[in-house]
Amino acid sequence: MNTVVENRPDQNQYALVEGDATVGFAAYEIVGDEIRFTHTEIEPSRRSTGLGAQLVQGALDDVREGSERRVVPLCPFVADYIDEHVDYRELLTR
């Protein structure tokens, strides 16, 4: 089944949606020119399937394409993702 990443600014989160179900989210705070990712969560039965990486990639791509905000990865999962994917490191120094 296809999954999509949706920005839900009214909930301060990016949601990973599969069909009609939300299977994960990446919570964030906007502070000035920063977007601070604070927590990422995938439905427990769906962990270890790559969905967390898909969620973070979609969220970071949206930040890159839709804003000039600097990413502050307070969530360890987001920080690890950026460490492992060097093409996203530029988002840390915008």
PDB file of N, CA and C in Angstrom:
ATOM      1  N   MET A   1       0.853  -1.185   0.000  1.00  0.00           N
ATOM      2  CA  MET A   1       0.000   0.000   0.000  1.00  0.00           C
ATOM      3  C   MET A   1       0.894   1.242   0.000  1.00  0.00           C
ATOM      4  N   ASN A   2       0.480   2.253  -0.698  1.00  0.00           N
ATOM      5  CA  ASN A   2       1.252   3.484  -0.782  1.00  0.00           C
ATOM      6  C   ASN A   2       1.122   4.303   0.490  1.00  0.00           C
ATOM      7  N   THR A   3       2.221   4.944   0.849  1.00  0.00           N
ATOM      8  CA  THR A   3       2.221   5.856   1.991  1.00  0.00           C
ATOM      9  C   THR A   3       2.583   7.243   1.499  1.00  0.00           C
ATOM     10  N   VAL A   4       2.056   8.250   2.178  1.00  0.00           N
ATOM     11  CA  VAL A   4       2.374   9.638   1.874  1.00  0.00           C
ATOM     12  C   VAL A   4       2.690  10.355   3.171  1.00  0.00           C
ATOM     13  N   VAL A   5       3.516  11.380   3.060  1.00  0.00           N
ATOM     14  CA  VAL A   5       3.850  12.232   4.198  1.00  0.00           C
ATOM     15  C   VAL A   5       3.069  13.530   4.043  1.00  0.00           C
ATOM     16  N   GLU A   6       2.318  13.883   5.058  1.00  0.00           N
ATOM     17  CA  GLU A   6       1.504  15.106   5.051  1.00  0.00           C
ATOM     18  C   GLU A   6       1.962  16.031   6.167  1.00  0.00           C
ATOM     19  N   ASN A   7       2.132  17.308   5.838  1.00  0.00           N
ATOM     20  CA  ASN A   7       2.381  18.300   6.873  1.00  0.00           C
ATOM     21  C   ASN A   7       1.035  18.697   7.465  1.00  0.00           C
ATOM     22  N   ARG A   8       0.923  18.600   8.769  1.00  0.00           N
ATOM     23  CA  ARG A   8      -0.295  18.999   9.479  1.00  0.00           C
ATOM     24  C   ARG A   8       0.063  20.116  10.447  1.00  0.00           C
ATOM     25  N   PRO A   9       0.190  21.339   9.916  1.00  0.00           N
ATOM     26  CA  PRO A   9       0.651  22.449  10.750  1.00  0.00           C
ATOM     27  C   PRO A   9      -0.261  22.753  11.928  1.00  0.00           C
ATOM     28  N   ASP A  10      -1.551  22.458  11.802  1.00  0.00           N
ATOM     29  CA  ASP A  10      -2.468  22.693  12.928  1.00  0.00           C
ATOM     30  C   ASP A  10      -2.183  21.744  14.091  1.00  0.00           C
ATOM     31  N   GLN A  11      -1.483  20.631  13.812  1.00  0.00           N
ATOM     32  CA  GLN A  11      -1.117  19.668  14.854  1.00  0.00           C
ATOM     33  C   GLN A  11       0.394  19.687  15.133  1.00  0.00           C
ATOM     34  N   ASN A  12       1.129  20.569  14.437  1.00  0.00           N
ATOM     35  CA  ASN A  12       2.583  20.647  14.579  1.00  0.00           C
ATOM     36  C   ASN A  12       3.239  19.286  14.362  1.00  0.00           C
ATOM     37  N   GLN A  13       2.874  18.655  13.242  1.00  0.00           N
ATOM     38  CA  GLN A  13       3.475  17.370  12.940  1.00  0.00           C
ATOM     39  C   GLN A  13       3.378  17.039  11.462  1.00  0.00           C
ATOM     40  N   TYR A  14       4.327  16.223  11.041  1.00  0.00           N
ATOM     41  CA  TYR A  14       4.246  15.554   9.756  1.00  0.00           C
ATOM     42  C   TYR A  14       3.684  14.178  10.047  1.00  0.00           C
ATOM     43  N   ALA A  15       2.698  13.768   9.265  1.00  0.00           N
ATOM     44  CA  ALA A  15       2.067  12.467   9.467  1.00  0.00           C
ATOM     45  C   ALA A  15       2.404  11.549   8.307  1.00  0.00           C
ATOM     46  N   LEU A  16       2.634  10.288   8.613  1.00  0.00           N
ATOM     47  CA  LEU A  16       2.814   9.262   7.599  1.00  0.00           C
ATOM     48  C   LEU A  16       1.484   8.539   7.485  1.00  0.00           C
ATOM     49  N   VAL A  17       0.871   8.643   6.309  1.00  0.00           N
ATOM     50  CA  VAL A  17      -0.478   8.135   6.101  1.00  0.00           C
ATOM     51  C   VAL A  17      -0.429   6.985   5.099  1.00  0.00           C
ATOM     52  N   GLU A  18      -1.082   5.908   5.464  1.00  0.00           N
ATOM     53  CA  GLU A  18      -1.199   4.732   4.603  1.00  0.00           C
ATOM     54  C   GLU A  18      -2.677   4.429   4.446  1.00  0.00           C
ATOM     55  N   GLY A  19      -3.180   4.619   3.250  1.00  0.00           N
ATOM     56  CA  GLY A  19      -4.623   4.491   3.046  1.00  0.00           C
ATOM     57  C   GLY A  19      -5.346   5.551   3.851  1.00  0.00           C
ATOM     58  N   ASP A  20      -6.214   5.119   4.745  1.00  0.00           N
ATOM     59  CA  ASP A  20      -6.955   6.044   5.614  1.00  0.00           C
ATOM     60  C   ASP A  20      -6.356   6.148   7.007  1.00  0.00           C
ATOM     61  N   ALA A  21      -5.250   5.445   7.243  1.00  0.00           N
ATOM     62  CA  ALA A  21      -4.700   5.371   8.596  1.00  0.00           C
ATOM     63  C   ALA A  21      -3.396   6.152   8.720  1.00  0.00           C
ATOM     64  N   THR A  22      -3.244   6.833   9.834  1.00  0.00           N
ATOM     65  CA  THR A  22      -1.978   7.471  10.175  1.00  0.00           C
ATOM     66  C   THR A  22      -1.142   6.434  10.908  1.00  0.00           C
ATOM     67  N   VAL A  23       0.033   6.101  10.341  1.00  0.00           N
ATOM     68  CA  VAL A  23       0.871   5.050  10.927  1.00  0.00           C
ATOM     69  C   VAL A  23       2.101   5.606  11.635  1.00  0.00           C
ATOM     70  N   GLY A  24       2.279   6.932  11.577  1.00  0.00           N
ATOM     71  CA  GLY A  24       3.395   7.545  12.274  1.00  0.00           C
ATOM     72  C   GLY A  24       3.338   9.052  12.180  1.00  0.00           C
ATOM     73  N   PHE A  25       4.167   9.693  13.000  1.00  0.00           N
ATOM     74  CA  PHE A  25       4.232  11.153  12.956  1.00  0.00           C
ATOM     75  C   PHE A  25       5.602  11.633  13.421  1.00  0.00           C
ATOM     76  N   ALA A  26       5.949  12.816  12.961  1.00  0.00           N
ATOM     77  CA  ALA A  26       7.143  13.523  13.414  1.00  0.00           C
ATOM     78  C   ALA A  26       6.669  14.870  13.939  1.00  0.00           C
ATOM     79  N   ALA A  27       6.738  15.047  15.247  1.00  0.00           N
ATOM     80  CA  ALA A  27       6.277  16.285  15.878  1.00  0.00           C
ATOM     81  C   ALA A  27       7.349  17.351  15.750  1.00  0.00           C
ATOM     82  N   TYR A  28       6.906  18.599  15.629  1.00  0.00           N
ATOM     83  CA  TYR A  28       7.845  19.712  15.510  1.00  0.00           C
ATOM     84  C   TYR A  28       7.311  20.962  16.181  1.00  0.00           C
ATOM     85  N   GLU A  29       8.241  21.881  16.433  1.00  0.00           N
ATOM     86  CA  GLU A  29       7.912  23.226  16.919  1.00  0.00           C
ATOM     87  C   GLU A  29       8.546  24.218  15.950  1.00  0.00           C
ATOM     88  N   ILE A  30       7.848  25.300  15.690  1.00  0.00           N
ATOM     89  CA  ILE A  30       8.411  26.387  14.895  1.00  0.00           C
ATOM     90  C   ILE A  30       8.816  27.479  15.878  1.00  0.00           C
ATOM     91  N   VAL A  31      10.100  27.827  15.871  1.00  0.00           N
ATOM     92  CA  VAL A  31      10.620  28.885  16.733  1.00  0.00           C
ATOM     93  C   VAL A  31      11.452  29.806  15.845  1.00  0.00           C
ATOM     94  N   GLY A  32      10.915  30.989  15.574  1.00  0.00           N
ATOM     95  CA  GLY A  32      11.616  31.921  14.696  1.00  0.00           C
ATOM     96  C   GLY A  32      11.812  31.308  13.321  1.00  0.00           C
ATOM     97  N   ASP A  33      13.066  31.226  12.880  1.00  0.00           N
ATOM     98  CA  ASP A  33      13.370  30.658  11.562  1.00  0.00           C
ATOM     99  C   ASP A  33      13.786  29.193  11.654  1.00  0.00           C
ATOM    100  N   GLU A  34      13.457  28.538  12.765  1.00  0.00           N
ATOM    101  CA  GLU A  34      13.824  27.136  12.969  1.00  0.00           C
ATOM    102  C   GLU A  34      12.597  26.239  12.997  1.00  0.00           C
ATOM    103  N   ILE A  35      12.783  25.025  12.524  1.00  0.00           N
ATOM    104  CA  ILE A  35      11.805  23.969  12.744  1.00  0.00           C
ATOM    105  C   ILE A  35      12.518  22.924  13.589  1.00  0.00           C
ATOM    106  N   ARG A  36      12.014  22.718  14.774  1.00  0.00           N
ATOM    107  CA  ARG A  36      12.647  21.826  15.745  1.00  0.00           C
ATOM    108  C   ARG A  36      11.851  20.521  15.813  1.00  0.00           C
ATOM    109  N   PHE A  37      12.464  19.451  15.303  1.00  0.00           N
ATOM    110  CA  PHE A  37      11.821  18.142  15.367  1.00  0.00           C
ATOM    111  C   PHE A  37      12.049  17.574  16.752  1.00  0.00           C
ATOM    112  N   THR A  38      10.948  17.312  17.464  1.00  0.00           N
ATOM    113  CA  THR A  38      11.035  16.934  18.873  1.00  0.00           C
ATOM    114  C   THR A  38      10.775  15.455  19.145  1.00  0.00           C
ATOM    115  N   HIS A  39      10.026  14.798  18.274  1.00  0.00           N
ATOM    116  CA  HIS A  39       9.677  13.395  18.543  1.00  0.00           C
ATOM    117  C   HIS A  39       9.179  12.745  17.262  1.00  0.00           C
ATOM    118  N   THR A  40       9.621  11.532  17.034  1.00  0.00           N
ATOM    119  CA  THR A  40       9.141  10.745  15.897  1.00  0.00           C
ATOM    120  C   THR A  40       8.617   9.421  16.427  1.00  0.00           C
ATOM    121  N   GLU A  41       7.472   9.009  15.898  1.00  0.00           N
ATOM    122  CA  GLU A  41       6.872   7.768  16.372  1.00  0.00           C
ATOM    123  C   GLU A  41       6.198   7.035  15.215  1.00  0.00           C
ATOM    124  N   ILE A  42       6.420   5.733  15.171  1.00  0.00           N
ATOM    125  CA  ILE A  42       5.759   4.849  14.210  1.00  0.00           C
ATOM    126  C   ILE A  42       4.931   3.857  15.012  1.00  0.00           C
ATOM    127  N   GLU A  43       3.766   3.514  14.483  1.00  0.00           N
ATOM    128  CA  GLU A  43       2.910   2.528  15.138  1.00  0.00           C
ATOM    129  C   GLU A  43       3.752   1.292  15.496  1.00  0.00           C
ATOM    130  N   PRO A  44       3.679   0.829  16.734  1.00  0.00           N
ATOM    131  CA  PRO A  44       4.560  -0.254  17.185  1.00  0.00           C
ATOM    132  C   PRO A  44       4.600  -1.486  16.279  1.00  0.00           C
ATOM    133  N   SER A  45       3.480  -1.891  15.752  1.00  0.00           N
ATOM    134  CA  SER A  45       3.459  -3.092  14.904  1.00  0.00           C
ATOM    135  C   SER A  45       4.114  -2.870  13.549  1.00  0.00           C
ATOM    136  N   ARG A  46       4.426  -1.627  13.224  1.00  0.00           N
ATOM    137  CA  ARG A  46       4.995  -1.278  11.913  1.00  0.00           C
ATOM    138  C   ARG A  46       6.454  -0.842  11.998  1.00  0.00           C
ATOM    139  N   ARG A  47       7.052  -0.905  13.175  1.00  0.00           N
ATOM    140  CA  ARG A  47       8.446  -0.495  13.339  1.00  0.00           C
ATOM    141  C   ARG A  47       9.369  -1.487  12.644  1.00  0.00           C
ATOM    142  N   SER A  48      10.581  -1.040  12.358  1.00  0.00           N
ATOM    143  CA  SER A  48      11.609  -1.856  11.692  1.00  0.00           C
ATOM    144  C   SER A  48      11.212  -2.237  10.274  1.00  0.00           C
ATOM    145  N   THR A  49      10.411  -1.398   9.633  1.00  0.00           N
ATOM    146  CA  THR A  49      10.007  -1.654   8.250  1.00  0.00           C
ATOM    147  C   THR A  49      10.427  -0.530   7.318  1.00  0.00           C
ATOM    148  N   GLY A  50      11.181   0.437   7.843  1.00  0.00           N
ATOM    149  CA  GLY A  50      11.637   1.558   7.021  1.00  0.00           C
ATOM    150  C   GLY A  50      10.681   2.730   6.977  1.00  0.00           C
ATOM    151  N   LEU A  51       9.563   2.623   7.664  1.00  0.00           N
ATOM    152  CA  LEU A  51       8.586   3.713   7.625  1.00  0.00           C
ATOM    153  C   LEU A  51       9.092   4.968   8.322  1.00  0.00           C
ATOM    154  N   GLY A  52       9.866   4.813   9.391  1.00  0.00           N
ATOM    155  CA  GLY A  52      10.413   5.981  10.082  1.00  0.00           C
ATOM    156  C   GLY A  52      11.318   6.786   9.161  1.00  0.00           C
ATOM    157  N   ALA A  53      12.169   6.104   8.422  1.00  0.00           N
ATOM    158  CA  ALA A  53      13.059   6.790   7.479  1.00  0.00           C
ATOM    159  C   ALA A  53      12.253   7.474   6.377  1.00  0.00           C
ATOM    160  N   GLN A  54      11.209   6.807   5.902  1.00  0.00           N
ATOM    161  CA  GLN A  54      10.365   7.406   4.872  1.00  0.00           C
ATOM    162  C   GLN A  54       9.691   8.674   5.396  1.00  0.00           C
ATOM    163  N   LEU A  55       9.235   8.626   6.627  1.00  0.00           N
ATOM    164  CA  LEU A  55       8.588   9.780   7.254  1.00  0.00           C
ATOM    165  C   LEU A  55       9.562  10.948   7.377  1.00  0.00           C
ATOM    166  N   VAL A  56      10.740  10.681   7.913  1.00  0.00           N
ATOM    167  CA  VAL A  56      11.711  11.759   8.119  1.00  0.00           C
ATOM    168  C   VAL A  56      12.176  12.323   6.781  1.00  0.00           C
ATOM    169  N   GLN A  57      12.429  11.472   5.814  1.00  0.00           N
ATOM    170  CA  GLN A  57      12.834  11.954   4.499  1.00  0.00           C
ATOM    171  C   GLN A  57      11.767  12.865   3.902  1.00  0.00           C
ATOM    172  N   GLY A  58      10.508  12.458   3.980  1.00  0.00           N
ATOM    173  CA  GLY A  58       9.425  13.282   3.446  1.00  0.00           C
ATOM    174  C   GLY A  58       9.305  14.617   4.154  1.00  0.00           C
ATOM    175  N   ALA A  59       9.464  14.603   5.482  1.00  0.00           N
ATOM    176  CA  ALA A  59       9.388  15.846   6.248  1.00  0.00           C
ATOM    177  C   ALA A  59      10.544  16.777   5.882  1.00  0.00           C
ATOM    178  N   LEU A  60      11.754  16.239   5.814  1.00  0.00           N
ATOM    179  CA  LEU A  60      12.918  17.068   5.481  1.00  0.00           C
ATOM    180  C   LEU A  60      12.830  17.598   4.051  1.00  0.00           C
ATOM    181  N   ASP A  61      12.344  16.781   3.138  1.00  0.00           N
ATOM    182  CA  ASP A  61      12.164  17.249   1.759  1.00  0.00           C
ATOM    183  C   ASP A  61      11.169  18.397   1.708  1.00  0.00           C
ATOM    184  N   ASP A  62      10.102  18.301   2.494  1.00  0.00           N
ATOM    185  CA  ASP A  62       9.103  19.368   2.516  1.00  0.00           C
ATOM    186  C   ASP A  62       9.691  20.654   3.087  1.00  0.00           C
ATOM    187  N   VAL A  63      10.488  20.546   4.143  1.00  0.00           N
ATOM    188  CA  VAL A  63      11.131  21.732   4.715  1.00  0.00           C
ATOM    189  C   VAL A  63      12.058  22.356   3.677  1.00  0.00           C
ATOM    190  N   ARG A  64      12.840  21.537   3.016  1.00  0.00           N
ATOM    191  CA  ARG A  64      13.790  22.019   2.011  1.00  0.00           C
ATOM    192  C   ARG A  64      13.078  22.750   0.879  1.00  0.00           C
ATOM    193  N   GLU A  65      11.993  22.175   0.395  1.00  0.00           N
ATOM    194  CA  GLU A  65      11.296  22.723  -0.764  1.00  0.00           C
ATOM    195  C   GLU A  65      10.339  23.857  -0.425  1.00  0.00           C
ATOM    196  N   GLY A  66       9.820  23.870   0.802  1.00  0.00           N
ATOM    197  CA  GLY A  66       8.752  24.804   1.111  1.00  0.00           C
ATOM    198  C   GLY A  66       9.091  25.932   2.050  1.00  0.00           C
ATOM    199  N   SER A  67      10.346  25.988   2.508  1.00  0.00           N
ATOM    200  CA  SER A  67      10.694  27.054   3.448  1.00  0.00           C
ATOM    201  C   SER A  67      12.194  27.295   3.435  1.00  0.00           C
ATOM    202  N   GLU A  68      12.597  28.291   4.184  1.00  0.00           N
ATOM    203  CA  GLU A  68      14.020  28.582   4.393  1.00  0.00           C
ATOM    204  C   GLU A  68      14.409  28.268   5.836  1.00  0.00           C
ATOM    205  N   ARG A  69      13.560  27.535   6.533  1.00  0.00           N
ATOM    206  CA  ARG A  69      13.819  27.248   7.943  1.00  0.00           C
ATOM    207  C   ARG A  69      15.035  26.344   8.127  1.00  0.00           C
ATOM    208  N   ARG A  70      15.691  26.552   9.237  1.00  0.00           N
ATOM    209  CA  ARG A  70      16.805  25.698   9.642  1.00  0.00           C
ATOM    210  C   ARG A  70      16.242  24.571  10.487  1.00  0.00           C
ATOM    211  N   VAL A  71      16.708  23.356  10.221  1.00  0.00           N
ATOM    212  CA  VAL A  71      16.249  22.182  10.969  1.00  0.00           C
ATOM    213  C   VAL A  71      17.091  22.022  12.227  1.00  0.00           C
ATOM    214  N   VAL A  72      16.409  21.832  13.346  1.00  0.00           N
ATOM    215  CA  VAL A  72      17.060  21.522  14.620  1.00  0.00           C
ATOM    216  C   VAL A  72      16.537  20.146  15.043  1.00  0.00           C
ATOM    217  N   PRO A  73      17.366  19.100  14.916  1.00  0.00           N
ATOM    218  CA  PRO A  73      16.906  17.746  15.205  1.00  0.00           C
ATOM    219  C   PRO A  73      17.039  17.384  16.683  1.00  0.00           C
ATOM    220  N   LEU A  74      16.071  17.771  17.485  1.00  0.00           N
ATOM    221  CA  LEU A  74      16.071  17.425  18.901  1.00  0.00           C
ATOM    222  C   LEU A  74      15.712  15.953  19.110  1.00  0.00           C
ATOM    223  N   CYS A  75      15.006  15.385  18.175  1.00  0.00           N
ATOM    224  CA  CYS A  75      14.650  13.974  18.205  1.00  0.00           C
ATOM    225  C   CYS A  75      15.854  13.145  17.745  1.00  0.00           C
ATOM    226  N   PRO A  76      16.279  12.169  18.528  1.00  0.00           N
ATOM    227  CA  PRO A  76      17.444  11.358  18.146  1.00  0.00           C
ATOM    228  C   PRO A  76      17.276  10.633  16.810  1.00  0.00           C
ATOM    229  N   PHE A  77      16.071  10.212  16.477  1.00  0.00           N
ATOM    230  CA  PHE A  77      15.856   9.518  15.208  1.00  0.00           C
ATOM    231  C   PHE A  77      16.123  10.449  14.038  1.00  0.00           C
ATOM    232  N   VAL A  78      15.631  11.688  14.119  1.00  0.00           N
ATOM    233  CA  VAL A  78      15.874  12.671  13.051  1.00  0.00           C
ATOM    234  C   VAL A  78      17.358  13.014  12.982  1.00  0.00           C
ATOM    235  N   ALA A  79      17.991  13.198  14.134  1.00  0.00           N
ATOM    236  CA  ALA A  79      19.424  13.501  14.161  1.00  0.00           C
ATOM    237  C   ALA A  79      20.229  12.378  13.512  1.00  0.00           C
ATOM    238  N   ASP A  80      19.916  11.136  13.838  1.00  0.00           N
ATOM    239  CA  ASP A  80      20.617   9.996  13.246  1.00  0.00           C
ATOM    240  C   ASP A  80      20.391   9.930  11.741  1.00  0.00           C
ATOM    241  N   TYR A  81      19.169  10.201  11.303  1.00  0.00           N
ATOM    242  CA  TYR A  81      18.865  10.182   9.876  1.00  0.00           C
ATOM    243  C   TYR A  81      19.722  11.203   9.130  1.00  0.00           C
ATOM    244  N   ILE A  82      19.803  12.406   9.670  1.00  0.00           N
ATOM    245  CA  ILE A  82      20.604  13.452   9.024  1.00  0.00           C
ATOM    246  C   ILE A  82      22.083  13.079   9.044  1.00  0.00           C
ATOM    247  N   ASP A  83      22.573  12.507  10.130  1.00  0.00           N
ATOM    248  CA  ASP A  83      23.971  12.064  10.194  1.00  0.00           C
ATOM    249  C   ASP A  83      24.277  11.037   9.117  1.00  0.00           C
ATOM    250  N   GLU A  84      23.337  10.153   8.830  1.00  0.00           N
ATOM    251  CA  GLU A  84      23.543   9.080   7.865  1.00  0.00           C
ATOM    252  C   GLU A  84      23.288   9.511   6.423  1.00  0.00           C
ATOM    253  N   HIS A  85      22.599  10.619   6.220  1.00  0.00           N
ATOM    254  CA  HIS A  85      22.253  11.092   4.876  1.00  0.00           C
ATOM    255  C   HIS A  85      22.809  12.510   4.705  1.00  0.00           C
ATOM    256  N   VAL A  86      24.043  12.575   4.259  1.00  0.00           N
ATOM    257  CA  VAL A  86      24.778  13.845   4.224  1.00  0.00           C
ATOM    258  C   VAL A  86      24.104  14.914   3.375  1.00  0.00           C
ATOM    259  N   ASP A  87      23.281  14.521   2.413  1.00  0.00           N
ATOM    260  CA  ASP A  87      22.623  15.515   1.566  1.00  0.00           C
ATOM    261  C   ASP A  87      21.595  16.352   2.324  1.00  0.00           C
ATOM    262  N   TYR A  88      21.272  15.952   3.557  1.00  0.00           N
ATOM    263  CA  TYR A  88      20.340  16.750   4.367  1.00  0.00           C
ATOM    264  C   TYR A  88      21.051  17.641   5.392  1.00  0.00           C
ATOM    265  N   ARG A  89      22.341  17.512   5.520  1.00  0.00           N
ATOM    266  CA  ARG A  89      23.063  18.299   6.524  1.00  0.00           C
ATOM    267  C   ARG A  89      23.002  19.799   6.284  1.00  0.00           C
ATOM    268  N   GLU A  90      22.838  20.205   5.041  1.00  0.00           N
ATOM    269  CA  GLU A  90      22.754  21.641   4.751  1.00  0.00           C
ATOM    270  C   GLU A  90      21.548  22.280   5.419  1.00  0.00           C
ATOM    271  N   LEU A  91      20.540  21.472   5.758  1.00  0.00           N
ATOM    272  CA  LEU A  91      19.375  22.015   6.437  1.00  0.00           C
ATOM    273  C   LEU A  91      19.682  22.473   7.854  1.00  0.00           C
ATOM    274  N   LEU A  92      20.803  21.999   8.402  1.00  0.00           N
ATOM    275  CA  LEU A  92      21.188  22.364   9.764  1.00  0.00           C
ATOM    276  C   LEU A  92      21.817  23.753   9.850  1.00  0.00           C
ATOM    277  N   THR A  93      22.271  24.284   8.723  1.00  0.00           N
ATOM    278  CA  THR A  93      23.037  25.540   8.742  1.00  0.00           C
ATOM    279  C   THR A  93      22.407  26.637   7.896  1.00  0.00           C
ATOM    280  N   ARG A  94      21.189  26.519   7.556  1.00  0.00           N
ATOM    281  CA  ARG A  94      20.526  27.547   6.725  1.00  0.00           C
ATOM    282  C   ARG A  94      20.492  28.871   7.429  1.00  0.00           C
TER     283      ARG A  94
END
